[in-house]
């Protein structure tokens, strides 16, 4: 049984300066439309379900191997592997709580050792994406996924940066706004800015030493 849970957002947190969706859309030809949809979601003008439907259409006909190859080049902050290892060595369960597509979570979990991940699921048939969404997920689904890990909220920490992290921030014992937007900065327990995820380790150490 893990002694604590550390939840990491992906887009804007582990992925700096862009989103995994925009990174893929840039080579599929619908980046401008996707970036506009992400901005509308961030402003509360569009649901994540609506943004996912729009993005999924751009994946239609492309193979899983093609998308996976693009995701392997995704820009990431420094220190992810070391931070995940630090968590595991101390009996903490590191997971991805994200609205990024599940192929993104699968790639990051395989590369860095995250114990679990969530996300909307793109529909696939015969190794190609159909352009549909098989399963939707929103910001409340992120929270529910974290709480379903079976660890009391007081021993859970959430690391994120934006609107989609707010329900989870409100539900856990400590929240860390990492390069956070104004909305997330306003409610996070702690704020960390920079390009190396290891900067959060002292906060995690202090939190789990005291609870």
C-alpha atoms as a PDB file:
ATOM      1  CA  UNK A   1       0.000   0.000   0.000  1.00  0.00           C
ATOM      2  CA  UNK A   2       1.459   3.357  -1.012  1.00  0.00           C
ATOM      3  CA  UNK A   3       2.004   5.835   1.796  1.00  0.00           C
ATOM      4  CA  UNK A   4       0.966   8.796  -0.319  1.00  0.00           C
ATOM      5  CA  UNK A   5      -0.074   9.927  -3.777  1.00  0.00           C
ATOM      6  CA  UNK A   6       1.498  12.561  -6.030  1.00  0.00           C
ATOM      7  CA  UNK A   7      -0.628  13.593  -9.019  1.00  0.00           C
ATOM      8  CA  UNK A   8       1.015  15.267 -12.003  1.00  0.00           C
ATOM      9  CA  UNK A   9      -0.737  17.194 -14.741  1.00  0.00           C
ATOM     10  CA  UNK A  10       0.779  16.951 -18.240  1.00  0.00           C
ATOM     11  CA  UNK A  11      -0.011  19.892 -20.517  1.00  0.00           C
ATOM     12  CA  UNK A  12       1.516  23.103 -19.189  1.00  0.00           C
ATOM     13  CA  UNK A  13       3.112  21.206 -16.291  1.00  0.00           C
ATOM     14  CA  UNK A  14       5.295  18.413 -17.632  1.00  0.00           C
ATOM     15  CA  UNK A  15       4.961  19.802 -21.172  1.00  0.00           C
ATOM     16  CA  UNK A  16       6.143  23.442 -21.213  1.00  0.00           C
ATOM     17  CA  UNK A  17       5.088  26.139 -23.630  1.00  0.00           C
ATOM     18  CA  UNK A  18       2.567  24.062 -25.569  1.00  0.00           C
ATOM     19  CA  UNK A  19       0.227  21.103 -25.099  1.00  0.00           C
ATOM     20  CA  UNK A  20       0.545  17.531 -26.252  1.00  0.00           C
ATOM     21  CA  UNK A  21      -2.561  18.049 -28.409  1.00  0.00           C
ATOM     22  CA  UNK A  22      -1.086  21.118 -30.097  1.00  0.00           C
ATOM     23  CA  UNK A  23       2.235  19.316 -30.597  1.00  0.00           C
ATOM     24  CA  UNK A  24       0.490  16.550 -32.515  1.00  0.00           C
ATOM     25  CA  UNK A  25      -1.891  18.926 -34.304  1.00  0.00           C
ATOM     26  CA  UNK A  26       1.073  20.894 -35.656  1.00  0.00           C
ATOM     27  CA  UNK A  27       1.986  18.002 -37.951  1.00  0.00           C
ATOM     28  CA  UNK A  28      -1.580  16.903 -38.677  1.00  0.00           C
ATOM     29  CA  UNK A  29      -2.667  20.305 -39.984  1.00  0.00           C
ATOM     30  CA  UNK A  30      -5.208  21.554 -37.429  1.00  0.00           C
ATOM     31  CA  UNK A  31      -2.978  23.340 -34.911  1.00  0.00           C
ATOM     32  CA  UNK A  32      -4.601  26.784 -35.179  1.00  0.00           C
ATOM     33  CA  UNK A  33      -8.082  25.363 -34.642  1.00  0.00           C
ATOM     34  CA  UNK A  34      -6.903  23.253 -31.706  1.00  0.00           C
ATOM     35  CA  UNK A  35      -5.038  26.102 -30.003  1.00  0.00           C
ATOM     36  CA  UNK A  36      -8.154  28.276 -30.292  1.00  0.00           C
ATOM     37  CA  UNK A  37     -10.238  25.507 -28.719  1.00  0.00           C
ATOM     38  CA  UNK A  38      -7.755  25.118 -25.850  1.00  0.00           C
ATOM     39  CA  UNK A  39      -7.911  28.847 -25.228  1.00  0.00           C
ATOM     40  CA  UNK A  40     -11.706  28.709 -25.197  1.00  0.00           C
ATOM     41  CA  UNK A  41     -11.582  25.851 -22.680  1.00  0.00           C
ATOM     42  CA  UNK A  42      -9.155  27.781 -20.496  1.00  0.00           C
ATOM     43  CA  UNK A  43     -11.518  30.756 -20.537  1.00  0.00           C
ATOM     44  CA  UNK A  44     -14.497  28.593 -19.623  1.00  0.00           C
ATOM     45  CA  UNK A  45     -16.137  29.074 -23.026  1.00  0.00           C
ATOM     46  CA  UNK A  46     -15.847  25.455 -24.177  1.00  0.00           C
ATOM     47  CA  UNK A  47     -16.014  22.109 -22.406  1.00  0.00           C
ATOM     48  CA  UNK A  48     -13.199  19.619 -22.671  1.00  0.00           C
ATOM     49  CA  UNK A  49     -15.624  17.249 -24.372  1.00  0.00           C
ATOM     50  CA  UNK A  50     -16.168  19.805 -27.134  1.00  0.00           C
ATOM     51  CA  UNK A  51     -12.437  20.423 -27.524  1.00  0.00           C
ATOM     52  CA  UNK A  52     -11.771  16.676 -27.629  1.00  0.00           C
ATOM     53  CA  UNK A  53     -14.326  16.131 -30.394  1.00  0.00           C
ATOM     54  CA  UNK A  54     -12.679  18.844 -32.471  1.00  0.00           C
ATOM     55  CA  UNK A  55      -9.177  17.474 -31.921  1.00  0.00           C
ATOM     56  CA  UNK A  56     -10.161  13.852 -32.543  1.00  0.00           C
ATOM     57  CA  UNK A  57     -11.355  14.750 -36.048  1.00  0.00           C
ATOM     58  CA  UNK A  58      -7.825  15.820 -36.901  1.00  0.00           C
ATOM     59  CA  UNK A  59      -6.486  12.368 -35.960  1.00  0.00           C
ATOM     60  CA  UNK A  60      -8.848  10.563 -38.366  1.00  0.00           C
ATOM     61  CA  UNK A  61      -7.037   8.132 -40.645  1.00  0.00           C
ATOM     62  CA  UNK A  62      -3.664   8.457 -38.926  1.00  0.00           C
ATOM     63  CA  UNK A  63      -2.062   5.348 -37.471  1.00  0.00           C
ATOM     64  CA  UNK A  64      -1.269   4.710 -33.832  1.00  0.00           C
ATOM     65  CA  UNK A  65       2.403   4.317 -34.798  1.00  0.00           C
ATOM     66  CA  UNK A  66       2.397   7.720 -36.500  1.00  0.00           C
ATOM     67  CA  UNK A  67       0.972   9.485 -33.437  1.00  0.00           C
ATOM     68  CA  UNK A  68       3.267   7.608 -31.073  1.00  0.00           C
ATOM     69  CA  UNK A  69       6.310   8.670 -33.099  1.00  0.00           C
ATOM     70  CA  UNK A  70       5.292  12.320 -32.844  1.00  0.00           C
ATOM     71  CA  UNK A  71       4.698  12.013 -29.098  1.00  0.00           C
ATOM     72  CA  UNK A  72       8.228  10.675 -28.622  1.00  0.00           C
ATOM     73  CA  UNK A  73       9.472  14.163 -29.606  1.00  0.00           C
ATOM     74  CA  UNK A  74       7.190  15.978 -27.133  1.00  0.00           C
ATOM     75  CA  UNK A  75       9.064  18.752 -25.260  1.00  0.00           C
ATOM     76  CA  UNK A  76       9.269  18.061 -21.537  1.00  0.00           C
ATOM     77  CA  UNK A  77      10.593  19.822 -18.453  1.00  0.00           C
ATOM     78  CA  UNK A  78      13.776  18.539 -16.876  1.00  0.00           C
ATOM     79  CA  UNK A  79      13.816  16.320 -13.814  1.00  0.00           C
ATOM     80  CA  UNK A  80      10.776  14.118 -14.464  1.00  0.00           C
ATOM     81  CA  UNK A  81      12.611  10.810 -14.117  1.00  0.00           C
ATOM     82  CA  UNK A  82      14.401  11.915 -10.969  1.00  0.00           C
ATOM     83  CA  UNK A  83      11.213  13.224  -9.348  1.00  0.00           C
ATOM     84  CA  UNK A  84       9.289  10.033 -10.107  1.00  0.00           C
ATOM     85  CA  UNK A  85      12.143   7.953  -8.712  1.00  0.00           C
ATOM     86  CA  UNK A  86      12.235  10.118  -5.570  1.00  0.00           C
ATOM     87  CA  UNK A  87       8.515   9.467  -5.045  1.00  0.00           C
ATOM     88  CA  UNK A  88       8.776   5.722  -5.538  1.00  0.00           C
ATOM     89  CA  UNK A  89      11.766   5.378  -3.221  1.00  0.00           C
ATOM     90  CA  UNK A  90       9.685   6.936  -0.439  1.00  0.00           C
ATOM     91  CA  UNK A  91       6.584   4.839  -0.895  1.00  0.00           C
ATOM     92  CA  UNK A  92       4.680   7.532  -2.789  1.00  0.00           C
ATOM     93  CA  UNK A  93       2.582   6.591  -5.812  1.00  0.00           C
ATOM     94  CA  UNK A  94       3.227   8.959  -8.767  1.00  0.00           C
ATOM     95  CA  UNK A  95       0.353   9.156 -11.262  1.00  0.00           C
ATOM     96  CA  UNK A  96      -0.674  11.315 -14.199  1.00  0.00           C
ATOM     97  CA  UNK A  97      -3.929  13.220 -13.759  1.00  0.00           C
ATOM     98  CA  UNK A  98      -4.442  14.822 -17.140  1.00  0.00           C
ATOM     99  CA  UNK A  99      -6.844  15.734 -19.902  1.00  0.00           C
ATOM    100  CA  UNK A 100      -4.235  14.739 -22.480  1.00  0.00           C
ATOM    101  CA  UNK A 101      -5.220  11.797 -24.687  1.00  0.00           C
ATOM    102  CA  UNK A 102      -4.446   8.375 -23.228  1.00  0.00           C
ATOM    103  CA  UNK A 103      -1.649   7.701 -25.768  1.00  0.00           C
ATOM    104  CA  UNK A 104       0.198  10.595 -24.120  1.00  0.00           C
ATOM    105  CA  UNK A 105      -0.219   9.130 -20.642  1.00  0.00           C
ATOM    106  CA  UNK A 106       0.793   5.697 -21.892  1.00  0.00           C
ATOM    107  CA  UNK A 107       3.985   7.093 -23.413  1.00  0.00           C
ATOM    108  CA  UNK A 108       4.958   9.074 -20.302  1.00  0.00           C
ATOM    109  CA  UNK A 109       4.158   6.188 -17.954  1.00  0.00           C
ATOM    110  CA  UNK A 110       6.276   3.839 -20.037  1.00  0.00           C
ATOM    111  CA  UNK A 111       9.204   6.249 -20.212  1.00  0.00           C
ATOM    112  CA  UNK A 112       9.269   7.534 -16.647  1.00  0.00           C
ATOM    113  CA  UNK A 113       7.487   4.975 -14.485  1.00  0.00           C
ATOM    114  CA  UNK A 114       4.265   6.739 -13.510  1.00  0.00           C
ATOM    115  CA  UNK A 115       2.035   4.170 -11.849  1.00  0.00           C
ATOM    116  CA  UNK A 116      -1.218   5.108 -13.618  1.00  0.00           C
ATOM    117  CA  UNK A 117      -2.741   7.689 -15.925  1.00  0.00           C
ATOM    118  CA  UNK A 118      -6.138   8.929 -17.063  1.00  0.00           C
ATOM    119  CA  UNK A 119      -7.350  10.901 -20.061  1.00  0.00           C
ATOM    120  CA  UNK A 120      -9.920  10.941 -22.829  1.00  0.00           C
ATOM    121  CA  UNK A 121      -9.636   7.934 -25.138  1.00  0.00           C
ATOM    122  CA  UNK A 122      -9.455   8.368 -28.929  1.00  0.00           C
ATOM    123  CA  UNK A 123     -11.310   5.719 -30.909  1.00  0.00           C
ATOM    124  CA  UNK A 124      -9.187   3.277 -32.920  1.00  0.00           C
ATOM    125  CA  UNK A 125     -10.095   0.676 -35.531  1.00  0.00           C
ATOM    126  CA  UNK A 126      -7.551  -1.494 -37.292  1.00  0.00           C
ATOM    127  CA  UNK A 127      -4.625   0.480 -35.920  1.00  0.00           C
ATOM    128  CA  UNK A 128      -5.939   3.815 -37.218  1.00  0.00           C
ATOM    129  CA  UNK A 129      -7.755   6.586 -35.389  1.00  0.00           C
ATOM    130  CA  UNK A 130     -11.351   6.981 -36.505  1.00  0.00           C
ATOM    131  CA  UNK A 131     -11.772  10.658 -35.661  1.00  0.00           C
ATOM    132  CA  UNK A 132     -14.173   9.886 -32.804  1.00  0.00           C
ATOM    133  CA  UNK A 133     -13.822   9.965 -29.020  1.00  0.00           C
ATOM    134  CA  UNK A 134     -14.284   6.559 -27.387  1.00  0.00           C
ATOM    135  CA  UNK A 135     -14.333   7.932 -23.809  1.00  0.00           C
ATOM    136  CA  UNK A 136     -14.490  11.519 -22.594  1.00  0.00           C
ATOM    137  CA  UNK A 137     -12.866  12.952 -19.470  1.00  0.00           C
ATOM    138  CA  UNK A 138     -13.131  16.387 -17.867  1.00  0.00           C
ATOM    139  CA  UNK A 139     -11.553  18.197 -14.911  1.00  0.00           C
ATOM    140  CA  UNK A 140     -13.861  16.441 -12.448  1.00  0.00           C
ATOM    141  CA  UNK A 141     -12.863  13.110 -13.927  1.00  0.00           C
ATOM    142  CA  UNK A 142      -9.239  13.978 -13.174  1.00  0.00           C
ATOM    143  CA  UNK A 143     -10.159  14.576  -9.541  1.00  0.00           C
ATOM    144  CA  UNK A 144     -12.227  11.400  -9.319  1.00  0.00           C
ATOM    145  CA  UNK A 145      -9.437   9.326 -10.873  1.00  0.00           C
ATOM    146  CA  UNK A 146      -7.005  10.563  -8.233  1.00  0.00           C
ATOM    147  CA  UNK A 147      -9.376   9.965  -5.333  1.00  0.00           C
ATOM    148  CA  UNK A 148     -10.147   6.474  -6.634  1.00  0.00           C
ATOM    149  CA  UNK A 149      -6.516   5.453  -6.033  1.00  0.00           C
ATOM    150  CA  UNK A 150      -7.522   4.579  -2.464  1.00  0.00           C
ATOM    151  CA  UNK A 151      -5.274   7.012  -0.594  1.00  0.00           C
ATOM    152  CA  UNK A 152      -6.803   9.472   1.863  1.00  0.00           C
ATOM    153  CA  UNK A 153      -6.918  13.012   0.437  1.00  0.00           C
ATOM    154  CA  UNK A 154      -4.728  14.354   3.255  1.00  0.00           C
ATOM    155  CA  UNK A 155      -1.873  12.239   1.883  1.00  0.00           C
ATOM    156  CA  UNK A 156      -2.374  13.353  -1.714  1.00  0.00           C
ATOM    157  CA  UNK A 157      -0.503  16.139  -3.491  1.00  0.00           C
ATOM    158  CA  UNK A 158      -1.509  17.580  -6.862  1.00  0.00           C
ATOM    159  CA  UNK A 159       0.955  19.312  -9.202  1.00  0.00           C
ATOM    160  CA  UNK A 160      -0.649  21.314 -12.001  1.00  0.00           C
ATOM    161  CA  UNK A 161      -0.957  24.620 -13.751  1.00  0.00           C
ATOM    162  CA  UNK A 162      -4.429  25.501 -14.990  1.00  0.00           C
ATOM    163  CA  UNK A 163      -8.211  25.399 -14.888  1.00  0.00           C
ATOM    164  CA  UNK A 164      -8.400  21.639 -15.308  1.00  0.00           C
ATOM    165  CA  UNK A 165      -6.497  21.172 -12.038  1.00  0.00           C
ATOM    166  CA  UNK A 166      -8.806  23.253  -9.843  1.00  0.00           C
ATOM    167  CA  UNK A 167     -11.223  20.502  -8.690  1.00  0.00           C
ATOM    168  CA  UNK A 168      -8.274  18.276  -7.780  1.00  0.00           C
ATOM    169  CA  UNK A 169      -6.458  21.123  -6.026  1.00  0.00           C
ATOM    170  CA  UNK A 170      -9.547  21.599  -3.847  1.00  0.00           C
ATOM    171  CA  UNK A 171      -9.716  17.916  -2.910  1.00  0.00           C
ATOM    172  CA  UNK A 172      -6.155  17.104  -1.807  1.00  0.00           C
ATOM    173  CA  UNK A 173      -3.938  17.873   1.163  1.00  0.00           C
ATOM    174  CA  UNK A 174      -1.509  20.039  -0.793  1.00  0.00           C
ATOM    175  CA  UNK A 175      -1.464  21.572  -4.257  1.00  0.00           C
ATOM    176  CA  UNK A 176       1.536  22.906  -6.150  1.00  0.00           C
ATOM    177  CA  UNK A 177       1.013  25.375  -8.965  1.00  0.00           C
ATOM    178  CA  UNK A 178       3.913  24.663 -11.329  1.00  0.00           C
ATOM    179  CA  UNK A 179       4.358  27.506 -13.851  1.00  0.00           C
ATOM    180  CA  UNK A 180       0.692  28.084 -13.153  1.00  0.00           C
ATOM    181  CA  UNK A 181      -1.969  30.252 -14.753  1.00  0.00           C
ATOM    182  CA  UNK A 182      -3.607  33.016 -12.672  1.00  0.00           C
ATOM    183  CA  UNK A 183      -6.587  30.805 -11.772  1.00  0.00           C
ATOM    184  CA  UNK A 184      -4.373  28.026 -10.470  1.00  0.00           C
ATOM    185  CA  UNK A 185      -1.989  30.419  -8.742  1.00  0.00           C
ATOM    186  CA  UNK A 186      -4.889  31.908  -6.819  1.00  0.00           C
ATOM    187  CA  UNK A 187      -5.785  28.621  -5.102  1.00  0.00           C
ATOM    188  CA  UNK A 188      -2.595  26.532  -5.014  1.00  0.00           C
ATOM    189  CA  UNK A 189      -1.040  25.831  -1.625  1.00  0.00           C
ATOM    190  CA  UNK A 190       2.436  26.517  -3.042  1.00  0.00           C
ATOM    191  CA  UNK A 191       3.845  28.015  -6.247  1.00  0.00           C
ATOM    192  CA  UNK A 192       6.942  26.885  -8.124  1.00  0.00           C
ATOM    193  CA  UNK A 193       8.199  28.383 -11.374  1.00  0.00           C
ATOM    194  CA  UNK A 194      11.007  27.090 -13.540  1.00  0.00           C
ATOM    195  CA  UNK A 195      12.048  24.430 -15.989  1.00  0.00           C
ATOM    196  CA  UNK A 196      13.015  21.596 -13.637  1.00  0.00           C
ATOM    197  CA  UNK A 197      10.417  19.463 -11.873  1.00  0.00           C
ATOM    198  CA  UNK A 198      12.881  18.624  -9.115  1.00  0.00           C
ATOM    199  CA  UNK A 199      12.168  22.055  -7.645  1.00  0.00           C
ATOM    200  CA  UNK A 200       8.993  20.608  -6.093  1.00  0.00           C
ATOM    201  CA  UNK A 201      10.834  17.874  -4.167  1.00  0.00           C
ATOM    202  CA  UNK A 202      11.498  19.982  -1.021  1.00  0.00           C
ATOM    203  CA  UNK A 203       7.774  20.734  -0.820  1.00  0.00           C
ATOM    204  CA  UNK A 204       6.877  17.071  -1.194  1.00  0.00           C
ATOM    205  CA  UNK A 205       9.470  16.123   1.426  1.00  0.00           C
ATOM    206  CA  UNK A 206       8.092  18.627   3.913  1.00  0.00           C
ATOM    207  CA  UNK A 207       4.487  17.605   3.250  1.00  0.00           C
ATOM    208  CA  UNK A 208       4.944  13.874   3.645  1.00  0.00           C
ATOM    209  CA  UNK A 209       7.218  14.305   6.645  1.00  0.00           C
ATOM    210  CA  UNK A 210       4.455  16.138   8.483  1.00  0.00           C
ATOM    211  CA  UNK A 211       1.335  14.072   7.675  1.00  0.00           C
END
